[in-house]
Structure formats: structure tokens, C-alpha cells
């Protein structure tokens, strides 16, 4: 086998990363590194509470009348509004995370919109690669990093 044929030819043949974000050129720790699970869960909890409150306010619910579709829709809407404008959801920003495009910098408008709609389905967020990017980030070409 020649040296040229021993190189990986598909993404699946790449060796595992030593740390999340290594293959993306991101540092292991500190600003610019991939946001880790603890911060992501904290941001998600904050965003879920805000979406629930916004849905109750917007649709004039009382607590027993909880409507999961309204809350999910509000969650997606809040993500679509805040990621392009402040660089992440309110939860992301409060825990020191931001969403960028793979090329770095502002993610634009369509990437956060696509990412948010996919995130609303939850399944893409539950499947990660070794860079800790869910399918919603992979498809949208984004990465969640520490600020």
C-alpha cells in the first residue's frame, strides 16, 4: 500500500480528535474552544424557561394549560431572533457561549434559522460527532464556542 493510498479518503476514516474542535482548528480550552456539555445544558435550560414564559405571555396561558407546541415554536423563534443579533441565544450568552459559522465570525441569518428549526426537532441535537457538534450545527455549518 502506497503512502498516498493510506491517507483517509472520507470523513469517517479520520482519526478521532484529541479534543472537541481539534479538526476544526479550535483550541482545547478557553475562548474560541467548543462549548462543552455543562454550558450547553445550562444554556438550554435558560432558553427553555424563557420560551415557556414567552409562550405563556404571548398566548395567555395559565399553568395547567401548558402547550408544548407553542413553547417549542417560541423556543425556535427566540433562537432565530437572537443568534444573528447577539451571536447566540440569551442562554448561550449568559453562560459564555456564542454561535459562529465554520469559517469564523457572524453566522448570518439563514444559518441560525436552519439551525434553530432543526434544533426544534431535538433529534439532531442528541447525536454528536467527536467535535461535539450536533447534526443541527453540522447541517447549518455552525459551531457553538466559548466567548
C-alpha atoms as a PDB file:
ATOM      1  CA  UNK A   1       0.000   0.000   0.000  1.00  0.00           C
ATOM      2  CA  UNK A   2       1.498   3.335  -1.016  1.00  0.00           C
ATOM      3  CA  UNK A   3       1.680   6.364   1.263  1.00  0.00           C
ATOM      4  CA  UNK A   4      -0.908   8.171  -0.871  1.00  0.00           C
ATOM      5  CA  UNK A   5      -3.450   5.381  -0.517  1.00  0.00           C
ATOM      6  CA  UNK A   6      -3.054   5.233   3.281  1.00  0.00           C
ATOM      7  CA  UNK A   7      -4.499   8.739   3.736  1.00  0.00           C
ATOM      8  CA  UNK A   8      -8.166   8.958   4.725  1.00  0.00           C
ATOM      9  CA  UNK A   9     -10.459   9.497   1.763  1.00  0.00           C
ATOM     10  CA  UNK A  10     -13.702  10.075   3.637  1.00  0.00           C
ATOM     11  CA  UNK A  11     -14.674  11.873   6.835  1.00  0.00           C
ATOM     12  CA  UNK A  12     -15.456   8.561   8.534  1.00  0.00           C
ATOM     13  CA  UNK A  13     -11.837   7.452   8.118  1.00  0.00           C
ATOM     14  CA  UNK A  14     -10.437  10.423  10.034  1.00  0.00           C
ATOM     15  CA  UNK A  15      -8.838   9.569  13.360  1.00  0.00           C
ATOM     16  CA  UNK A  16     -10.741  10.707  16.453  1.00  0.00           C
ATOM     17  CA  UNK A  17      -9.995  14.174  17.749  1.00  0.00           C
ATOM     18  CA  UNK A  18      -7.802  14.555  20.822  1.00  0.00           C
ATOM     19  CA  UNK A  19     -10.231  17.275  21.981  1.00  0.00           C
ATOM     20  CA  UNK A  20     -13.541  18.616  20.652  1.00  0.00           C
ATOM     21  CA  UNK A  21     -12.849  21.111  17.880  1.00  0.00           C
ATOM     22  CA  UNK A  22      -9.320  19.950  17.053  1.00  0.00           C
ATOM     23  CA  UNK A  23     -10.281  19.034  13.467  1.00  0.00           C
ATOM     24  CA  UNK A  24     -11.941  22.449  13.149  1.00  0.00           C
ATOM     25  CA  UNK A  25      -8.763  24.236  14.193  1.00  0.00           C
ATOM     26  CA  UNK A  26     -10.215  25.336  17.537  1.00  0.00           C
ATOM     27  CA  UNK A  27      -8.252  25.422  20.804  1.00  0.00           C
ATOM     28  CA  UNK A  28      -8.708  22.829  23.541  1.00  0.00           C
ATOM     29  CA  UNK A  29      -9.563  25.304  26.314  1.00  0.00           C
ATOM     30  CA  UNK A  30     -10.599  28.899  26.805  1.00  0.00           C
ATOM     31  CA  UNK A  31     -12.088  31.450  24.430  1.00  0.00           C
ATOM     32  CA  UNK A  32     -12.798  30.015  20.994  1.00  0.00           C
ATOM     33  CA  UNK A  33     -12.925  26.395  22.166  1.00  0.00           C
ATOM     34  CA  UNK A  34     -16.008  24.243  21.584  1.00  0.00           C
ATOM     35  CA  UNK A  35     -18.699  24.819  24.210  1.00  0.00           C
ATOM     36  CA  UNK A  36     -18.831  21.800  26.479  1.00  0.00           C
ATOM     37  CA  UNK A  37     -21.865  19.850  27.655  1.00  0.00           C
ATOM     38  CA  UNK A  38     -22.370  21.578  31.018  1.00  0.00           C
ATOM     39  CA  UNK A  39     -22.616  25.040  29.495  1.00  0.00           C
ATOM     40  CA  UNK A  40     -24.851  23.758  26.702  1.00  0.00           C
ATOM     41  CA  UNK A  41     -27.296  22.189  29.147  1.00  0.00           C
ATOM     42  CA  UNK A  42     -27.343  25.349  31.270  1.00  0.00           C
ATOM     43  CA  UNK A  43     -27.999  27.489  28.177  1.00  0.00           C
ATOM     44  CA  UNK A  44     -30.758  25.126  27.032  1.00  0.00           C
ATOM     45  CA  UNK A  45     -32.422  25.259  30.451  1.00  0.00           C
ATOM     46  CA  UNK A  46     -32.337  29.070  30.463  1.00  0.00           C
ATOM     47  CA  UNK A  47     -33.707  29.243  26.923  1.00  0.00           C
ATOM     48  CA  UNK A  48     -36.451  26.730  27.724  1.00  0.00           C
ATOM     49  CA  UNK A  49     -37.568  28.748  30.749  1.00  0.00           C
ATOM     50  CA  UNK A  50     -37.599  31.939  28.645  1.00  0.00           C
ATOM     51  CA  UNK A  51     -39.512  30.227  25.831  1.00  0.00           C
ATOM     52  CA  UNK A  52     -42.059  28.863  28.295  1.00  0.00           C
ATOM     53  CA  UNK A  53     -42.538  32.310  29.838  1.00  0.00           C
ATOM     54  CA  UNK A  54     -42.810  33.963  26.424  1.00  0.00           C
ATOM     55  CA  UNK A  55     -45.367  31.376  25.240  1.00  0.00           C
ATOM     56  CA  UNK A  56     -47.462  31.808  28.396  1.00  0.00           C
ATOM     57  CA  UNK A  57     -47.340  35.594  27.921  1.00  0.00           C
ATOM     58  CA  UNK A  58     -47.965  35.599  24.141  1.00  0.00           C
ATOM     59  CA  UNK A  59     -50.772  33.057  24.205  1.00  0.00           C
ATOM     60  CA  UNK A  60     -52.248  33.999  27.590  1.00  0.00           C
ATOM     61  CA  UNK A  61     -51.922  30.512  29.083  1.00  0.00           C
ATOM     62  CA  UNK A  62     -52.443  29.554  32.663  1.00  0.00           C
ATOM     63  CA  UNK A  63     -50.116  26.913  34.055  1.00  0.00           C
ATOM     64  CA  UNK A  64     -52.330  23.837  33.650  1.00  0.00           C
ATOM     65  CA  UNK A  65     -52.953  24.775  30.000  1.00  0.00           C
ATOM     66  CA  UNK A  66     -49.298  24.185  29.024  1.00  0.00           C
ATOM     67  CA  UNK A  67     -48.959  23.816  25.251  1.00  0.00           C
ATOM     68  CA  UNK A  68     -45.715  22.124  24.170  1.00  0.00           C
ATOM     69  CA  UNK A  69     -46.084  23.178  20.536  1.00  0.00           C
ATOM     70  CA  UNK A  70     -46.393  26.842  21.487  1.00  0.00           C
ATOM     71  CA  UNK A  71     -43.346  26.590  23.747  1.00  0.00           C
ATOM     72  CA  UNK A  72     -41.307  24.789  21.069  1.00  0.00           C
ATOM     73  CA  UNK A  73     -42.319  27.352  18.487  1.00  0.00           C
ATOM     74  CA  UNK A  74     -41.366  30.193  20.828  1.00  0.00           C
ATOM     75  CA  UNK A  75     -38.026  28.482  21.542  1.00  0.00           C
ATOM     76  CA  UNK A  76     -37.247  28.286  17.816  1.00  0.00           C
ATOM     77  CA  UNK A  77     -38.380  31.880  17.265  1.00  0.00           C
ATOM     78  CA  UNK A  78     -36.182  33.186  20.091  1.00  0.00           C
ATOM     79  CA  UNK A  79     -33.193  31.284  18.674  1.00  0.00           C
ATOM     80  CA  UNK A  80     -33.807  32.697  15.181  1.00  0.00           C
ATOM     81  CA  UNK A  81     -34.045  36.250  16.535  1.00  0.00           C
ATOM     82  CA  UNK A  82     -31.137  36.250  18.975  1.00  0.00           C
ATOM     83  CA  UNK A  83     -28.424  34.160  17.298  1.00  0.00           C
ATOM     84  CA  UNK A  84     -27.972  36.589  14.365  1.00  0.00           C
ATOM     85  CA  UNK A  85     -28.409  39.705  16.507  1.00  0.00           C
ATOM     86  CA  UNK A  86     -26.359  38.980  19.644  1.00  0.00           C
ATOM     87  CA  UNK A  87     -24.318  35.975  18.486  1.00  0.00           C
ATOM     88  CA  UNK A  88     -26.243  33.366  20.433  1.00  0.00           C
ATOM     89  CA  UNK A  89     -29.441  32.750  22.327  1.00  0.00           C
ATOM     90  CA  UNK A  90     -29.945  34.531  25.631  1.00  0.00           C
ATOM     91  CA  UNK A  91     -28.985  31.305  27.403  1.00  0.00           C
ATOM     92  CA  UNK A  92     -25.840  30.939  25.282  1.00  0.00           C
ATOM     93  CA  UNK A  93     -24.710  34.464  26.043  1.00  0.00           C
ATOM     94  CA  UNK A  94     -25.435  34.182  29.783  1.00  0.00           C
ATOM     95  CA  UNK A  95     -23.206  31.099  30.100  1.00  0.00           C
ATOM     96  CA  UNK A  96     -20.458  32.470  27.857  1.00  0.00           C
ATOM     97  CA  UNK A  97     -21.179  30.765  24.528  1.00  0.00           C
ATOM     98  CA  UNK A  98     -21.763  32.036  21.002  1.00  0.00           C
ATOM     99  CA  UNK A  99     -22.637  30.548  17.628  1.00  0.00           C
ATOM    100  CA  UNK A 100     -20.282  31.165  14.699  1.00  0.00           C
ATOM    101  CA  UNK A 101     -20.035  29.831  11.173  1.00  0.00           C
ATOM    102  CA  UNK A 102     -17.316  27.261  10.482  1.00  0.00           C
ATOM    103  CA  UNK A 103     -15.384  29.934   8.628  1.00  0.00           C
ATOM    104  CA  UNK A 104     -15.456  32.073  11.783  1.00  0.00           C
ATOM    105  CA  UNK A 105     -17.368  35.202  12.655  1.00  0.00           C
ATOM    106  CA  UNK A 106     -21.006  36.105  12.237  1.00  0.00           C
ATOM    107  CA  UNK A 107     -23.247  33.187  11.340  1.00  0.00           C
ATOM    108  CA  UNK A 108     -25.548  35.348   9.221  1.00  0.00           C
ATOM    109  CA  UNK A 109     -29.307  34.906   9.186  1.00  0.00           C
ATOM    110  CA  UNK A 110     -30.008  31.702   7.252  1.00  0.00           C
ATOM    111  CA  UNK A 111     -27.593  29.525   9.265  1.00  0.00           C
ATOM    112  CA  UNK A 112     -29.210  30.333  12.632  1.00  0.00           C
ATOM    113  CA  UNK A 113     -32.681  29.939  11.121  1.00  0.00           C
ATOM    114  CA  UNK A 114     -31.860  26.494   9.713  1.00  0.00           C
ATOM    115  CA  UNK A 115     -30.030  25.508  12.917  1.00  0.00           C
ATOM    116  CA  UNK A 116     -32.968  26.600  15.072  1.00  0.00           C
ATOM    117  CA  UNK A 117     -35.630  24.794  13.053  1.00  0.00           C
ATOM    118  CA  UNK A 118     -33.568  21.592  13.164  1.00  0.00           C
ATOM    119  CA  UNK A 119     -32.955  22.077  16.886  1.00  0.00           C
ATOM    120  CA  UNK A 120     -36.712  22.330  17.370  1.00  0.00           C
ATOM    121  CA  UNK A 121     -36.935  18.690  16.302  1.00  0.00           C
ATOM    122  CA  UNK A 122     -34.453  17.770  19.136  1.00  0.00           C
ATOM    123  CA  UNK A 123     -33.135  14.628  17.415  1.00  0.00           C
ATOM    124  CA  UNK A 124     -30.256  16.441  15.637  1.00  0.00           C
ATOM    125  CA  UNK A 125     -29.018  17.808  18.957  1.00  0.00           C
ATOM    126  CA  UNK A 126     -28.893  14.366  20.547  1.00  0.00           C
ATOM    127  CA  UNK A 127     -26.405  12.950  18.024  1.00  0.00           C
ATOM    128  CA  UNK A 128     -22.900  14.436  18.215  1.00  0.00           C
ATOM    129  CA  UNK A 129     -19.610  13.877  16.470  1.00  0.00           C
ATOM    130  CA  UNK A 130     -16.196  13.907  18.173  1.00  0.00           C
ATOM    131  CA  UNK A 131     -16.160  17.713  17.845  1.00  0.00           C
ATOM    132  CA  UNK A 132     -19.355  17.829  19.956  1.00  0.00           C
ATOM    133  CA  UNK A 133     -21.357  19.255  17.041  1.00  0.00           C
ATOM    134  CA  UNK A 134     -24.899  18.002  16.634  1.00  0.00           C
ATOM    135  CA  UNK A 135     -26.459  17.433  13.230  1.00  0.00           C
ATOM    136  CA  UNK A 136     -28.183  20.817  13.512  1.00  0.00           C
ATOM    137  CA  UNK A 137     -24.760  22.510  13.692  1.00  0.00           C
ATOM    138  CA  UNK A 138     -23.209  20.278  11.023  1.00  0.00           C
ATOM    139  CA  UNK A 139     -26.004  20.891   8.521  1.00  0.00           C
ATOM    140  CA  UNK A 140     -26.057  24.647   9.205  1.00  0.00           C
ATOM    141  CA  UNK A 141     -22.263  24.925   9.078  1.00  0.00           C
ATOM    142  CA  UNK A 142     -22.039  26.383  12.587  1.00  0.00           C
ATOM    143  CA  UNK A 143     -20.206  25.643  15.805  1.00  0.00           C
ATOM    144  CA  UNK A 144     -21.003  26.666  19.380  1.00  0.00           C
ATOM    145  CA  UNK A 145     -17.888  28.127  21.015  1.00  0.00           C
ATOM    146  CA  UNK A 146     -16.880  29.751  24.288  1.00  0.00           C
ATOM    147  CA  UNK A 147     -16.810  33.554  24.167  1.00  0.00           C
END
